[in-house]
Amino acid sequence: MLELLLNLLFPKTCLGCEKVLLTQEKILCINCFFDLPYFSQNGHSNNPLEKTFWGRIKIEKAYAYLLFKKTGIVKNMIQEIKYNGNKNLAYEFGIRFGKELAEQLQTLGVNGIIAVPLHAKRLKKRGYNQSEFIVQGICKATEIPNISHLVKRKIYTSTQTSKTRIERWENVSSIYEIDAELYKLKNDAHFLLVDDVITTGATIESLAKSLQEAGCCKTSVAALAFAP
């Protein structure tokens, strides 16, 4: 009753079109949900996300759920997840993404999923790691273990938002610490590394390099959104 009253007084609006949501709708209205710009190149040989890493680091496969643009629904969603603390949105879309990935990850033999970690200082400031909640959703849908706790960010760096491609790489080079427990998994390991948004790929590249230098056999990557 209280929730109904609050909805009447302060109706929830769609993150995309700003229309009042129906009772059964969450975050997005049904029209905006189906109009999302989905990334359709997963599994294709000319996948532009995979091409992002060519000549830089060996990546087995690269996946994205949505296309990120400077304006629009996806940008609003990422801001809601990243800066407004909407953990439920990150988790729910992680589940949706995971359902799409489940069969492919099983075929690849992925046996661990890692969220790109935040430094403790930034984690304290932001309150939570948005990528961790995306990973929780993916793990729920795929039943693959979440091993994010085995990787730590040991160096605090400035935000990547306004940096060039070269500056982004210099900003995140050699900043991760691999837990000794991970070495027990590395012989036949294939880890999926997950970030909220991939633009230049510098953050994921640095993490993949750290894992591969630690002896991990294979790494694949996934992002809730890809900004080509």
Protein backbone atom coordinates (compact mmCIF):
# COMPACT_ATOMS: atom_id res chain seq x y z
CA MET A 1 0.00 0.00 0.00
CA LEU A 2 2.81 2.41 0.91
CA GLU A 3 4.66 1.66 -2.33
CA LEU A 4 1.47 2.26 -4.33
CA LEU A 5 0.93 5.59 -2.56
CA LEU A 6 4.53 6.66 -3.21
CA ASN A 7 4.16 5.74 -6.89
CA LEU A 8 1.05 7.90 -7.11
CA LEU A 9 2.75 10.86 -5.43
CA PHE A 10 6.16 10.38 -7.08
CA PRO A 11 5.61 8.34 -10.25
CA LYS A 12 8.66 6.54 -11.66
CA THR A 13 9.58 7.54 -15.18
CA CYS A 14 11.32 5.69 -17.98
CA LEU A 15 15.06 6.28 -18.15
CA GLY A 16 14.76 6.53 -21.92
CA CYS A 17 11.63 8.47 -22.88
CA GLU A 18 10.71 9.83 -19.42
CA LYS A 19 7.13 8.58 -19.66
CA VAL A 20 5.53 7.32 -16.45
CA LEU A 21 6.25 3.61 -16.03
CA LEU A 22 3.46 1.08 -15.72
CA THR A 23 3.34 -1.05 -12.59
CA GLN A 24 5.05 -4.04 -14.22
CA GLU A 25 7.77 -1.94 -15.87
CA LYS A 26 11.16 -1.28 -14.28
CA ILE A 27 13.66 1.41 -15.24
CA LEU A 28 12.65 1.29 -18.93
CA CYS A 29 9.22 1.15 -20.55
CA ILE A 30 8.58 -1.80 -22.84
CA ASN A 31 9.04 0.33 -25.97
CA CYS A 32 12.43 1.69 -24.92
CA PHE A 33 13.57 -1.76 -23.84
CA PHE A 34 12.96 -3.19 -27.31
CA ASP A 35 14.46 -0.10 -28.95
CA LEU A 36 17.80 -0.45 -27.16
CA PRO A 37 20.80 -0.43 -29.55
CA TYR A 38 21.93 -4.01 -29.05
CA PHE A 39 25.42 -5.04 -30.14
CA SER A 40 24.85 -7.65 -32.84
CA GLN A 41 28.42 -8.70 -33.69
CA ASN A 42 29.01 -11.21 -30.88
CA GLY A 43 30.44 -14.38 -32.37
CA HIS A 44 31.12 -12.79 -35.76
CA SER A 45 34.56 -12.95 -37.39
CA ASN A 46 34.62 -9.18 -38.04
CA ASN A 47 33.60 -8.22 -34.52
CA PRO A 48 34.74 -4.58 -34.09
CA LEU A 49 35.16 -5.03 -30.33
CA GLU A 50 37.65 -7.85 -30.90
CA LYS A 51 39.46 -5.70 -33.45
CA THR A 52 40.01 -3.13 -30.69
CA PHE A 53 42.58 -5.50 -29.15
CA TRP A 54 44.31 -6.67 -32.32
CA GLY A 55 48.08 -6.20 -32.09
CA ARG A 56 47.83 -5.26 -28.41
CA ILE A 57 46.93 -8.32 -26.36
CA LYS A 58 45.68 -11.83 -27.16
CA ILE A 59 41.96 -12.03 -26.53
CA GLU A 60 40.00 -15.20 -27.33
CA LYS A 61 36.59 -13.56 -27.70
CA ALA A 62 35.02 -10.18 -27.01
CA TYR A 63 31.35 -9.56 -26.24
CA ALA A 64 29.14 -6.55 -25.66
CA TYR A 65 25.45 -6.25 -24.87
CA LEU A 66 24.72 -2.69 -26.03
CA LEU A 67 26.19 0.04 -28.20
CA PHE A 68 27.15 3.19 -26.31
CA LYS A 69 26.53 6.59 -27.89
CA LYS A 70 27.16 10.10 -26.59
CA THR A 71 23.43 10.63 -26.10
CA GLY A 72 20.49 8.34 -25.58
CA ILE A 73 19.16 5.54 -23.41
CA VAL A 74 22.41 3.60 -23.00
CA LYS A 75 24.31 6.66 -21.81
CA ASN A 76 21.53 7.35 -19.29
CA MET A 77 21.66 3.74 -18.12
CA ILE A 78 25.42 3.77 -17.63
CA GLN A 79 25.25 7.04 -15.69
CA GLU A 80 22.48 5.58 -13.53
CA ILE A 81 24.61 2.49 -12.85
CA LYS A 82 27.96 4.20 -12.45
CA TYR A 83 27.19 7.43 -10.64
CA ASN A 84 23.71 7.07 -9.13
CA GLY A 85 24.37 3.77 -7.38
CA ASN A 86 21.70 1.77 -9.21
CA LYS A 87 22.93 -1.70 -8.30
CA ASN A 88 19.68 -3.37 -9.32
CA LEU A 89 19.96 -2.03 -12.87
CA ALA A 90 23.54 -3.32 -13.15
CA TYR A 91 22.53 -6.73 -11.79
CA GLU A 92 19.38 -7.11 -13.93
CA PHE A 93 21.17 -6.24 -17.15
CA GLY A 94 24.01 -8.52 -16.09
CA ILE A 95 21.49 -11.36 -15.94
CA ARG A 96 20.09 -10.45 -19.38
CA PHE A 97 23.60 -10.30 -20.82
CA GLY A 98 24.56 -13.55 -19.12
CA LYS A 99 21.61 -15.40 -20.64
CA GLU A 100 22.84 -14.39 -24.09
CA LEU A 101 26.41 -15.44 -23.29
CA ALA A 102 25.75 -18.69 -21.44
CA GLU A 103 26.03 -21.12 -24.35
CA GLN A 104 29.07 -19.41 -25.89
CA LEU A 105 30.94 -19.23 -22.58
CA GLN A 106 30.28 -22.90 -21.96
CA THR A 107 31.64 -23.76 -25.42
CA LEU A 108 34.74 -21.64 -24.77
CA GLY A 109 35.34 -23.35 -21.45
CA VAL A 110 35.25 -20.14 -19.40
CA ASN A 111 35.68 -21.18 -15.76
CA GLY A 112 35.90 -17.85 -13.96
CA ILE A 113 34.52 -14.32 -14.33
CA ILE A 114 36.35 -11.21 -13.11
CA ALA A 115 34.98 -7.69 -12.74
CA VAL A 116 37.46 -4.93 -13.49
CA PRO A 117 38.39 -3.89 -9.94
CA LEU A 118 38.31 -0.39 -8.47
CA HIS A 119 41.04 0.93 -6.22
CA ALA A 120 39.96 0.97 -2.56
CA LYS A 121 40.01 4.78 -2.55
CA ARG A 122 37.63 5.06 -5.50
CA LEU A 123 35.49 2.22 -4.17
CA LYS A 124 35.05 4.10 -0.90
CA LYS A 125 34.18 7.30 -2.74
CA ARG A 126 31.70 5.71 -5.15
CA GLY A 127 30.29 3.20 -2.66
CA TYR A 128 30.34 0.16 -4.92
CA ASN A 129 31.91 -1.31 -8.04
CA GLN A 130 29.32 -1.22 -10.82
CA SER A 131 31.15 -3.89 -12.82
CA GLU A 132 30.96 -6.26 -9.84
CA PHE A 133 27.15 -6.13 -9.92
CA ILE A 134 27.12 -6.72 -13.68
CA VAL A 135 29.32 -9.77 -13.04
CA GLN A 136 27.02 -11.02 -10.29
CA GLY A 137 24.18 -10.98 -12.81
CA ILE A 138 26.23 -12.76 -15.47
CA CYS A 139 27.33 -15.39 -12.94
CA LYS A 140 23.73 -15.92 -11.85
CA ALA A 141 22.67 -16.58 -15.45
CA THR A 142 25.68 -18.71 -16.47
CA GLU A 143 26.50 -20.49 -13.19
CA ILE A 144 30.18 -19.65 -13.73
CA PRO A 145 32.06 -18.67 -10.54
CA ASN A 146 32.72 -15.03 -9.73
CA ILE A 147 36.45 -14.82 -8.90
CA SER A 148 36.72 -11.03 -8.88
CA HIS A 149 38.15 -11.12 -5.35
CA LEU A 150 41.37 -12.66 -6.71
CA VAL A 151 42.39 -9.45 -8.50
CA LYS A 152 43.13 -6.14 -6.77
CA ARG A 153 43.85 -2.69 -8.11
CA LYS A 154 47.04 -1.66 -6.34
CA ILE A 155 47.54 1.84 -7.81
CA TYR A 156 45.07 4.71 -7.70
CA THR A 157 44.72 6.45 -11.05
CA SER A 158 42.74 9.42 -12.33
CA THR A 159 39.52 8.92 -14.27
CA GLN A 160 39.76 7.78 -17.88
CA THR A 161 36.85 9.86 -19.18
CA SER A 162 38.66 12.76 -20.90
CA LYS A 163 41.93 11.01 -21.79
CA THR A 164 43.26 10.12 -25.22
CA ARG A 165 43.95 6.49 -26.21
CA ILE A 166 47.65 6.78 -25.30
CA GLU A 167 46.90 8.60 -22.04
CA ARG A 168 44.37 5.91 -21.09
CA TRP A 169 46.98 3.18 -21.56
CA GLU A 170 49.65 5.07 -19.59
CA ASN A 171 47.10 5.69 -16.83
CA VAL A 172 46.33 1.99 -16.23
CA SER A 173 49.56 0.22 -17.13
CA SER A 174 50.71 -2.31 -14.48
CA ILE A 175 48.17 -1.39 -11.82
CA TYR A 176 46.80 -4.82 -10.88
CA GLU A 177 47.82 -7.37 -8.27
CA ILE A 178 46.99 -11.05 -8.73
CA ASP A 179 46.10 -13.08 -5.63
CA ALA A 180 48.12 -16.26 -5.08
CA GLU A 181 44.89 -18.29 -5.00
CA LEU A 182 44.45 -17.61 -8.70
CA TYR A 183 47.58 -19.61 -9.49
CA LYS A 184 45.76 -22.77 -8.47
CA LEU A 185 43.29 -22.16 -11.32
CA LYS A 186 45.66 -21.08 -14.06
CA ASN A 187 46.63 -24.39 -15.69
CA ASP A 188 43.39 -24.72 -17.64
CA ALA A 189 42.04 -21.27 -16.89
CA HIS A 190 39.91 -19.22 -19.23
CA PHE A 191 38.69 -16.05 -17.57
CA LEU A 192 36.04 -13.60 -18.76
CA LEU A 193 36.97 -10.01 -17.84
CA VAL A 194 34.00 -7.68 -17.47
CA ASP A 195 33.73 -3.88 -17.52
CA ASP A 196 30.71 -1.61 -17.72
CA VAL A 197 31.86 0.24 -20.86
CA ILE A 198 34.75 -0.43 -23.24
CA THR A 199 36.00 2.49 -25.31
CA THR A 200 39.71 2.22 -26.13
CA GLY A 201 40.02 -1.05 -24.19
CA ALA A 202 43.03 0.20 -22.18
CA THR A 203 41.70 -0.88 -18.79
CA ILE A 204 40.75 -4.38 -19.95
CA GLU A 205 44.05 -4.68 -21.83
CA SER A 206 46.04 -3.89 -18.70
CA LEU A 207 44.07 -6.42 -16.64
CA ALA A 208 44.38 -9.12 -19.32
CA LYS A 209 48.11 -8.51 -19.58
CA SER A 210 48.54 -8.84 -15.81
CA LEU A 211 46.63 -12.13 -15.81
CA GLN A 212 48.50 -13.51 -18.80
CA GLU A 213 51.85 -12.56 -17.28
CA ALA A 214 50.75 -14.45 -14.17
CA GLY A 215 50.41 -17.56 -16.34
CA CYS A 216 46.70 -17.60 -17.16
CA CYS A 217 46.10 -19.51 -20.36
CA LYS A 218 43.19 -17.62 -21.91
CA THR A 219 41.23 -14.43 -21.46
CA SER A 220 38.04 -13.18 -23.08
CA VAL A 221 36.33 -9.86 -22.43
CA ALA A 222 32.80 -8.56 -22.09
CA ALA A 223 31.21 -5.15 -21.58
CA LEU A 224 27.68 -4.08 -20.88
CA ALA A 225 28.27 -1.43 -23.53
CA PHE A 226 30.82 -0.82 -26.28
CA ALA A 227 31.64 2.67 -27.56
CA PRO A 228 33.11 2.17 -31.06
